[in-house]
C-alpha atoms as a PDB file:
ATOM      1  CA  MET A   1      10.662  86.392  -6.835  1.00  0.00           C
ATOM      2  CA  ALA A   2      12.275  83.034  -8.429  1.00  0.00           C
ATOM      3  CA  SER A   3       9.437  83.218 -10.715  1.00  0.00           C
ATOM      4  CA  SER A   4       5.889  84.129 -12.519  1.00  0.00           C
ATOM      5  CA  GLU A   5       4.666  80.761 -11.998  1.00  0.00           C
ATOM      6  CA  THR A   6       4.827  80.513  -8.451  1.00  0.00           C
ATOM      7  CA  ILE A   7       5.284  82.168  -5.201  1.00  0.00           C
ATOM      8  CA  LEU A   8       8.286  80.938  -2.751  1.00  0.00           C
ATOM      9  CA  ARG A   9       6.797  77.342  -3.107  1.00  0.00           C
ATOM     10  CA  ASP A  10      10.878  75.771  -2.670  1.00  0.00           C
ATOM     11  CA  LEU A  11      12.711  78.053   0.479  1.00  0.00           C
ATOM     12  CA  ARG A  12      15.893  77.103   2.258  1.00  0.00           C
ATOM     13  CA  ILE A  13      16.260  78.385   5.970  1.00  0.00           C
ATOM     14  CA  TYR A  14      19.843  79.219   7.935  1.00  0.00           C
ATOM     15  CA  THR A  15      19.267  79.138  11.345  1.00  0.00           C
ATOM     16  CA  SER A  16      21.310  79.662  14.116  1.00  0.00           C
ATOM     17  CA  SER A  17      21.348  79.436  17.936  1.00  0.00           C
ATOM     18  CA  ASN A  18      23.335  81.426  21.289  1.00  0.00           C
ATOM     19  CA  GLY A  19      23.141  81.609  24.398  1.00  0.00           C
ATOM     20  CA  LYS A  20      23.671  79.658  27.737  1.00  0.00           C
ATOM     21  CA  ASN A  21      22.762  76.747  29.251  1.00  0.00           C
ATOM     22  CA  ASP A  22      24.649  76.170  31.914  1.00  0.00           C
ATOM     23  CA  SER A  23      22.073  77.454  34.746  1.00  0.00           C
ATOM     24  CA  MET A  24      19.261  76.679  36.493  1.00  0.00           C
ATOM     25  CA  PHE A  25      17.523  79.305  33.900  1.00  0.00           C
ATOM     26  CA  PRO A  26      19.338  79.193  30.718  1.00  0.00           C
ATOM     27  CA  ALA A  27      18.739  82.000  27.830  1.00  0.00           C
ATOM     28  CA  HIS A  28      19.224  81.799  23.923  1.00  0.00           C
ATOM     29  CA  CYS A  29      18.585  84.081  21.121  1.00  0.00           C
ATOM     30  CA  PHE A  30      17.743  82.791  17.604  1.00  0.00           C
ATOM     31  CA  THR A  31      18.668  84.217  14.228  1.00  0.00           C
ATOM     32  CA  TYR A  32      18.036  83.223  10.840  1.00  0.00           C
ATOM     33  CA  ARG A  33      18.173  83.503   7.009  1.00  0.00           C
ATOM     34  CA  VAL A  34      15.404  82.151   5.000  1.00  0.00           C
ATOM     35  CA  GLU A  35      15.561  82.255   0.889  1.00  0.00           C
ATOM     36  CA  ASP A  36      14.960  81.440  -2.713  1.00  0.00           C
ATOM     37  CA  ASN A  37      15.701  78.132  -4.729  1.00  0.00           C
ATOM     38  CA  GLU A  38      17.792  81.049  -6.462  1.00  0.00           C
ATOM     39  CA  GLY A  39      19.847  82.095  -3.304  1.00  0.00           C
ATOM     40  CA  ASN A  40      17.811  85.538  -3.149  1.00  0.00           C
ATOM     41  CA  LEU A  41      17.033  86.627   0.142  1.00  0.00           C
ATOM     42  CA  VAL A  42      13.132  86.412   1.154  1.00  0.00           C
ATOM     43  CA  PHE A  43      13.724  87.141   5.177  1.00  0.00           C
ATOM     44  CA  THR A  44      16.288  87.206   7.968  1.00  0.00           C
ATOM     45  CA  ASN A  45      15.362  88.216  11.408  1.00  0.00           C
ATOM     46  CA  ALA A  46      19.317  89.353  11.928  1.00  0.00           C
ATOM     47  CA  ASP A  47      18.596  92.909  11.214  1.00  0.00           C
ATOM     48  CA  LYS A  48      15.401  93.080  14.180  1.00  0.00           C
ATOM     49  CA  PRO A  49      15.709  93.538  17.678  1.00  0.00           C
ATOM     50  CA  THR A  50      17.082  90.662  19.903  1.00  0.00           C
ATOM     51  CA  GLU A  51      15.390  88.870  22.122  1.00  0.00           C
ATOM     52  CA  ILE A  52      16.719  87.230  24.711  1.00  0.00           C
ATOM     53  CA  LEU A  53      14.432  84.512  25.899  1.00  0.00           C
ATOM     54  CA  GLY A  54      14.029  81.900  28.035  1.00  0.00           C
ATOM     55  CA  GLY A  55      14.870  78.057  27.501  1.00  0.00           C
ATOM     56  CA  ASN A  56      17.828  75.950  26.590  1.00  0.00           C
ATOM     57  CA  HIS A  57      19.592  77.135  23.271  1.00  0.00           C
ATOM     58  CA  ALA A  58      18.398  74.242  21.611  1.00  0.00           C
ATOM     59  CA  VAL A  59      15.462  75.504  21.476  1.00  0.00           C
ATOM     60  CA  GLY A  60      15.916  78.451  19.677  1.00  0.00           C
ATOM     61  CA  PHE A  61      16.503  76.373  16.845  1.00  0.00           C
ATOM     62  CA  HIS A  62      12.774  75.028  16.216  1.00  0.00           C
ATOM     63  CA  GLU A  63      11.757  78.694  16.820  1.00  0.00           C
ATOM     64  CA  CYS A  64      13.883  79.605  13.951  1.00  0.00           C
ATOM     65  CA  ILE A  65      11.478  76.627  11.729  1.00  0.00           C
ATOM     66  CA  LEU A  66       8.040  77.850  14.166  1.00  0.00           C
ATOM     67  CA  ASP A  67       9.008  81.528  13.612  1.00  0.00           C
ATOM     68  CA  TRP A  68       9.381  81.060   9.846  1.00  0.00           C
ATOM     69  CA  VAL A  69       6.481  78.709   9.152  1.00  0.00           C
ATOM     70  CA  ARG A  70       4.022  80.666  11.933  1.00  0.00           C
ATOM     71  CA  TYR A  71       3.952  84.256  11.718  1.00  0.00           C
ATOM     72  CA  ARG A  72       6.803  85.073   8.579  1.00  0.00           C
ATOM     73  CA  TRP A  73       5.462  82.597   5.274  1.00  0.00           C
ATOM     74  CA  ARG A  74       1.908  83.689   4.492  1.00  0.00           C
ATOM     75  CA  PRO A  75       2.780  87.599   4.951  1.00  0.00           C
ATOM     76  CA  ALA A  76       6.072  86.771   2.724  1.00  0.00           C
ATOM     77  CA  ILE A  77       4.118  85.237   0.362  1.00  0.00           C
ATOM     78  CA  LEU A  78       0.599  87.893   0.290  1.00  0.00           C
ATOM     79  CA  ALA A  79       3.552  90.846  -0.484  1.00  0.00           C
ATOM     80  CA  HIS A  80       4.580  89.332  -3.464  1.00  0.00           C
ATOM     81  CA  LEU A  81       0.878  88.170  -4.275  1.00  0.00           C
ATOM     82  CA  PRO A  82       0.044  91.594  -6.079  1.00  0.00           C
ATOM     83  CA  ALA A  83       3.442  91.423  -8.912  1.00  0.00           C
ATOM     84  CA  TRP A  84       3.096  87.789  -9.223  1.00  0.00           C
ATOM     85  CA  LEU A  85      -1.330  88.308 -10.395  1.00  0.00           C
ATOM     86  CA  SER A  86      -0.030  90.918 -13.129  1.00  0.00           C
ATOM     87  CA  SER A  87       2.983  89.114 -14.197  1.00  0.00           C
ATOM     88  CA  SER A  88       1.014  86.026 -14.875  1.00  0.00           C
ATOM     89  CA  GLN A  89      -3.097  87.070 -15.549  1.00  0.00           C
ATOM     90  CA  SER A  90      -4.359  84.889 -12.651  1.00  0.00           C
ATOM     91  CA  LYS A  91      -7.445  84.801 -11.641  1.00  0.00           C
ATOM     92  CA  GLY A  92      -9.616  84.392  -8.683  1.00  0.00           C
ATOM     93  CA  GLU A  93      -9.465  80.317  -8.765  1.00  0.00           C
ATOM     94  CA  ASP A  94      -5.843  80.808  -9.122  1.00  0.00           C
ATOM     95  CA  PHE A  95      -4.633  83.470  -6.288  1.00  0.00           C
ATOM     96  CA  THR A  96      -6.121  80.818  -3.768  1.00  0.00           C
ATOM     97  CA  ALA A  97      -4.159  77.414  -5.106  1.00  0.00           C
ATOM     98  CA  GLU A  98      -1.616  79.406  -4.647  1.00  0.00           C
ATOM     99  CA  LEU A  99      -2.002  80.652  -1.265  1.00  0.00           C
ATOM    100  CA  TYR A 100      -2.721  77.498   0.046  1.00  0.00           C
ATOM    101  CA  ALA A 101      -0.331  75.378  -2.381  1.00  0.00           C
ATOM    102  CA  PRO A 102       1.965  72.996  -0.664  1.00  0.00           C
ATOM    103  CA  ARG A 103       5.119  74.415   0.659  1.00  0.00           C
ATOM    104  CA  THR A 104       8.916  72.891   0.992  1.00  0.00           C
ATOM    105  CA  LEU A 105      11.324  74.021   3.246  1.00  0.00           C
ATOM    106  CA  THR A 106      14.818  72.543   3.704  1.00  0.00           C
ATOM    107  CA  ILE A 107      16.894  73.784   7.161  1.00  0.00           C
ATOM    108  CA  VAL A 108      20.511  73.699   5.817  1.00  0.00           C
ATOM    109  CA  ASP A 109      22.975  72.368   8.214  1.00  0.00           C
ATOM    110  CA  THR A 110      26.461  71.060   8.900  1.00  0.00           C
ATOM    111  CA  GLY A 111      24.858  68.786  11.829  1.00  0.00           C
ATOM    112  CA  VAL A 112      21.392  67.495  10.675  1.00  0.00           C
ATOM    113  CA  ASP A 113      21.759  64.325  12.262  1.00  0.00           C
ATOM    114  CA  GLY A 114      22.073  66.905  15.671  1.00  0.00           C
ATOM    115  CA  VAL A 115      19.342  69.091  16.810  1.00  0.00           C
ATOM    116  CA  PHE A 116      17.056  68.823  13.656  1.00  0.00           C
ATOM    117  CA  LYS A 117      17.132  65.064  13.238  1.00  0.00           C
ATOM    118  CA  ALA A 118      13.373  65.254  14.614  1.00  0.00           C
ATOM    119  CA  TYR A 119      12.369  66.084  11.004  1.00  0.00           C
ATOM    120  CA  ARG A 120      13.915  62.864   9.985  1.00  0.00           C
ATOM    121  CA  MET A 121      10.448  61.824  10.848  1.00  0.00           C
ATOM    122  CA  LEU A 122       6.797  61.619   9.189  1.00  0.00           C
ATOM    123  CA  PRO A 123       4.809  63.060  10.980  1.00  0.00           C
ATOM    124  CA  GLU A 124       2.309  60.099  12.011  1.00  0.00           C
ATOM    125  CA  GLU A 125       5.629  59.354  13.421  1.00  0.00           C
ATOM    126  CA  VAL A 126       5.446  61.999  15.792  1.00  0.00           C
ATOM    127  CA  ALA A 127       1.715  61.519  16.493  1.00  0.00           C
ATOM    128  CA  GLN A 128       2.664  57.961  17.376  1.00  0.00           C
ATOM    129  CA  GLY A 129       4.943  59.572  20.612  1.00  0.00           C
ATOM    130  CA  GLY A 130       7.921  58.216  18.776  1.00  0.00           C
ATOM    131  CA  LEU A 131       9.531  61.983  20.182  1.00  0.00           C
ATOM    132  CA  LYS A 132       9.034  60.480  23.375  1.00  0.00           C
ATOM    133  CA  SER A 133      10.577  57.241  22.998  1.00  0.00           C
ATOM    134  CA  GLY A 134      13.260  57.696  20.442  1.00  0.00           C
ATOM    135  CA  ALA A 135      16.523  59.415  21.339  1.00  0.00           C
ATOM    136  CA  SER A 136      16.643  61.009  24.701  1.00  0.00           C
ATOM    137  CA  SER A 137      17.627  64.857  23.055  1.00  0.00           C
ATOM    138  CA  PHE A 138      14.084  64.321  21.333  1.00  0.00           C
ATOM    139  CA  VAL A 139      12.197  64.151  24.824  1.00  0.00           C
ATOM    140  CA  GLY A 140      13.482  67.861  26.051  1.00  0.00           C
ATOM    141  CA  ASN A 141      12.836  69.451  22.794  1.00  0.00           C
ATOM    142  CA  ALA A 142       9.564  67.280  21.637  1.00  0.00           C
ATOM    143  CA  ALA A 143       7.078  69.888  22.471  1.00  0.00           C
ATOM    144  CA  TRP A 144       8.869  72.626  20.601  1.00  0.00           C
ATOM    145  CA  ILE A 145       9.431  69.787  17.576  1.00  0.00           C
ATOM    146  CA  ALA A 146       5.697  68.722  17.832  1.00  0.00           C
ATOM    147  CA  GLN A 147       4.215  72.255  17.828  1.00  0.00           C
ATOM    148  CA  VAL A 148       6.590  72.880  14.253  1.00  0.00           C
ATOM    149  CA  PHE A 149       4.917  69.232  13.062  1.00  0.00           C
ATOM    150  CA  ALA A 150       1.810  70.438  13.267  1.00  0.00           C
ATOM    151  CA  ASP A 151       2.107  74.146  12.474  1.00  0.00           C
ATOM    152  CA  ALA A 152       3.709  72.777   9.149  1.00  0.00           C
ATOM    153  CA  GLU A 153       0.823  70.523   8.485  1.00  0.00           C
ATOM    154  CA  VAL A 154      -1.882  73.201   9.139  1.00  0.00           C
ATOM    155  CA  HIS A 155       0.332  75.422   6.130  1.00  0.00           C
ATOM    156  CA  ASN A 156       0.654  72.201   4.158  1.00  0.00           C
ATOM    157  CA  VAL A 157       4.807  72.414   3.932  1.00  0.00           C
ATOM    158  CA  THR A 158       7.202  70.065   4.106  1.00  0.00           C
ATOM    159  CA  ILE A 159      10.210  70.208   6.404  1.00  0.00           C
ATOM    160  CA  LYS A 160      13.444  68.806   4.814  1.00  0.00           C
ATOM    161  CA  LEU A 161      16.877  68.465   6.124  1.00  0.00           C
ATOM    162  CA  LYS A 162      20.118  69.430   3.947  1.00  0.00           C
ATOM    163  CA  LYS A 163      23.889  69.578   4.086  1.00  0.00           C
ATOM    164  CA  PRO A 164      25.347  72.493   2.637  1.00  0.00           C
ATOM    165  CA  GLU A 165      25.973  71.350  -1.223  1.00  0.00           C
ATOM    166  CA  SER A 166      27.571  75.319  -2.407  1.00  0.00           C
ATOM    167  CA  VAL A 167      30.090  77.814  -1.158  1.00  0.00           C
ATOM    168  CA  HIS A 168      27.422  79.613  -1.424  1.00  0.00           C
ATOM    169  CA  GLU A 169      25.249  77.477   1.608  1.00  0.00           C
ATOM    170  CA  VAL A 170      27.934  77.212   3.042  1.00  0.00           C
ATOM    171  CA  ALA A 171      28.857  81.007   3.530  1.00  0.00           C
ATOM    172  CA  THR A 172      25.469  81.404   4.329  1.00  0.00           C
ATOM    173  CA  LEU A 173      25.407  79.055   7.169  1.00  0.00           C
ATOM    174  CA  GLU A 174      28.606  80.615   8.383  1.00  0.00           C
ATOM    175  CA  GLN A 175      27.552  84.332   7.905  1.00  0.00           C
ATOM    176  CA  VAL A 176      24.197  83.610   9.935  1.00  0.00           C
ATOM    177  CA  ARG A 177      26.025  81.520  12.718  1.00  0.00           C
ATOM    178  CA  ASN A 178      28.525  84.376  12.718  1.00  0.00           C
ATOM    179  CA  GLU A 179      24.811  86.673  13.168  1.00  0.00           C
ATOM    180  CA  GLY A 180      23.980  84.940  15.931  1.00  0.00           C
ATOM    181  CA  LYS A 181      26.908  85.290  18.104  1.00  0.00           C
ATOM    182  CA  ARG A 182      26.849  88.474  17.402  1.00  0.00           C
ATOM    183  CA  ARG A 183      23.003  89.085  18.395  1.00  0.00           C
ATOM    184  CA  TRP A 184      23.809  87.231  21.415  1.00  0.00           C
ATOM    185  CA  THR A 185      26.650  89.378  22.884  1.00  0.00           C
ATOM    186  CA  ARG A 186      24.834  92.706  21.342  1.00  0.00           C
ATOM    187  CA  ALA A 187      21.923  91.423  23.665  1.00  0.00           C
ATOM    188  CA  LYS A 188      23.587  90.488  26.692  1.00  0.00           C
ATOM    189  CA  ARG A 189      25.610  93.337  26.713  1.00  0.00           C
ATOM    190  CA  ASP A 190      22.695  95.424  26.711  1.00  0.00           C
ATOM    191  CA  LYS A 191      20.198  93.717  29.463  1.00  0.00           C
ATOM    192  CA  GLU A 192      23.713  93.726  32.004  1.00  0.00           C
ATOM    193  CA  LYS A 193      23.575  97.678  30.947  1.00  0.00           C
ATOM    194  CA  GLN A 194      19.453  97.729  32.015  1.00  0.00           C
ATOM    195  CA  PHE A 195      20.152  96.475  35.083  1.00  0.00           C
ATOM    196  CA  ALA A 196      23.194  98.024  35.924  1.00  0.00           C
ATOM    197  CA  ALA A 197      21.327 101.222  35.802  1.00  0.00           C
END
């Protein structure tokens, strides 16, 4: 834990989505790594079983964000609570305040104007249909992007974007991309074996 005063308030996420978009049945798998603001690993799905999912692989980038915000962040906070409570001498009201405190998730990616550019929009712009009237790349994944915004709003999360600014960030992003390629290759091979059996 980065500090005894707060729990996982400011995190960075590195993502990879690998797959094929060249048929009527696109498929992908997604890989991501989350770190605290000191570069400590908070979560990665790189060592979890790989599931090949339907949909073009651009969707996988949004699924990384959604998976972390919707399913993983709250359990990670709860896992840190016992140590936080004992080190900070907090009371019950502090516990509730910390659990529901505003949090920030920064996407670290070289192509912040690519698949993630929608997250530069304000939630009000999304609500007013900005994903439908904006760039064509928004339209195809509008439902996924809107879901990320909705879940972020429910969990009091602000999503930010930035390019890698340190050797650590460059190396971590490349590591996640390599893990993503390996997971896709392995999952595809396993699926082919399953069908051949």
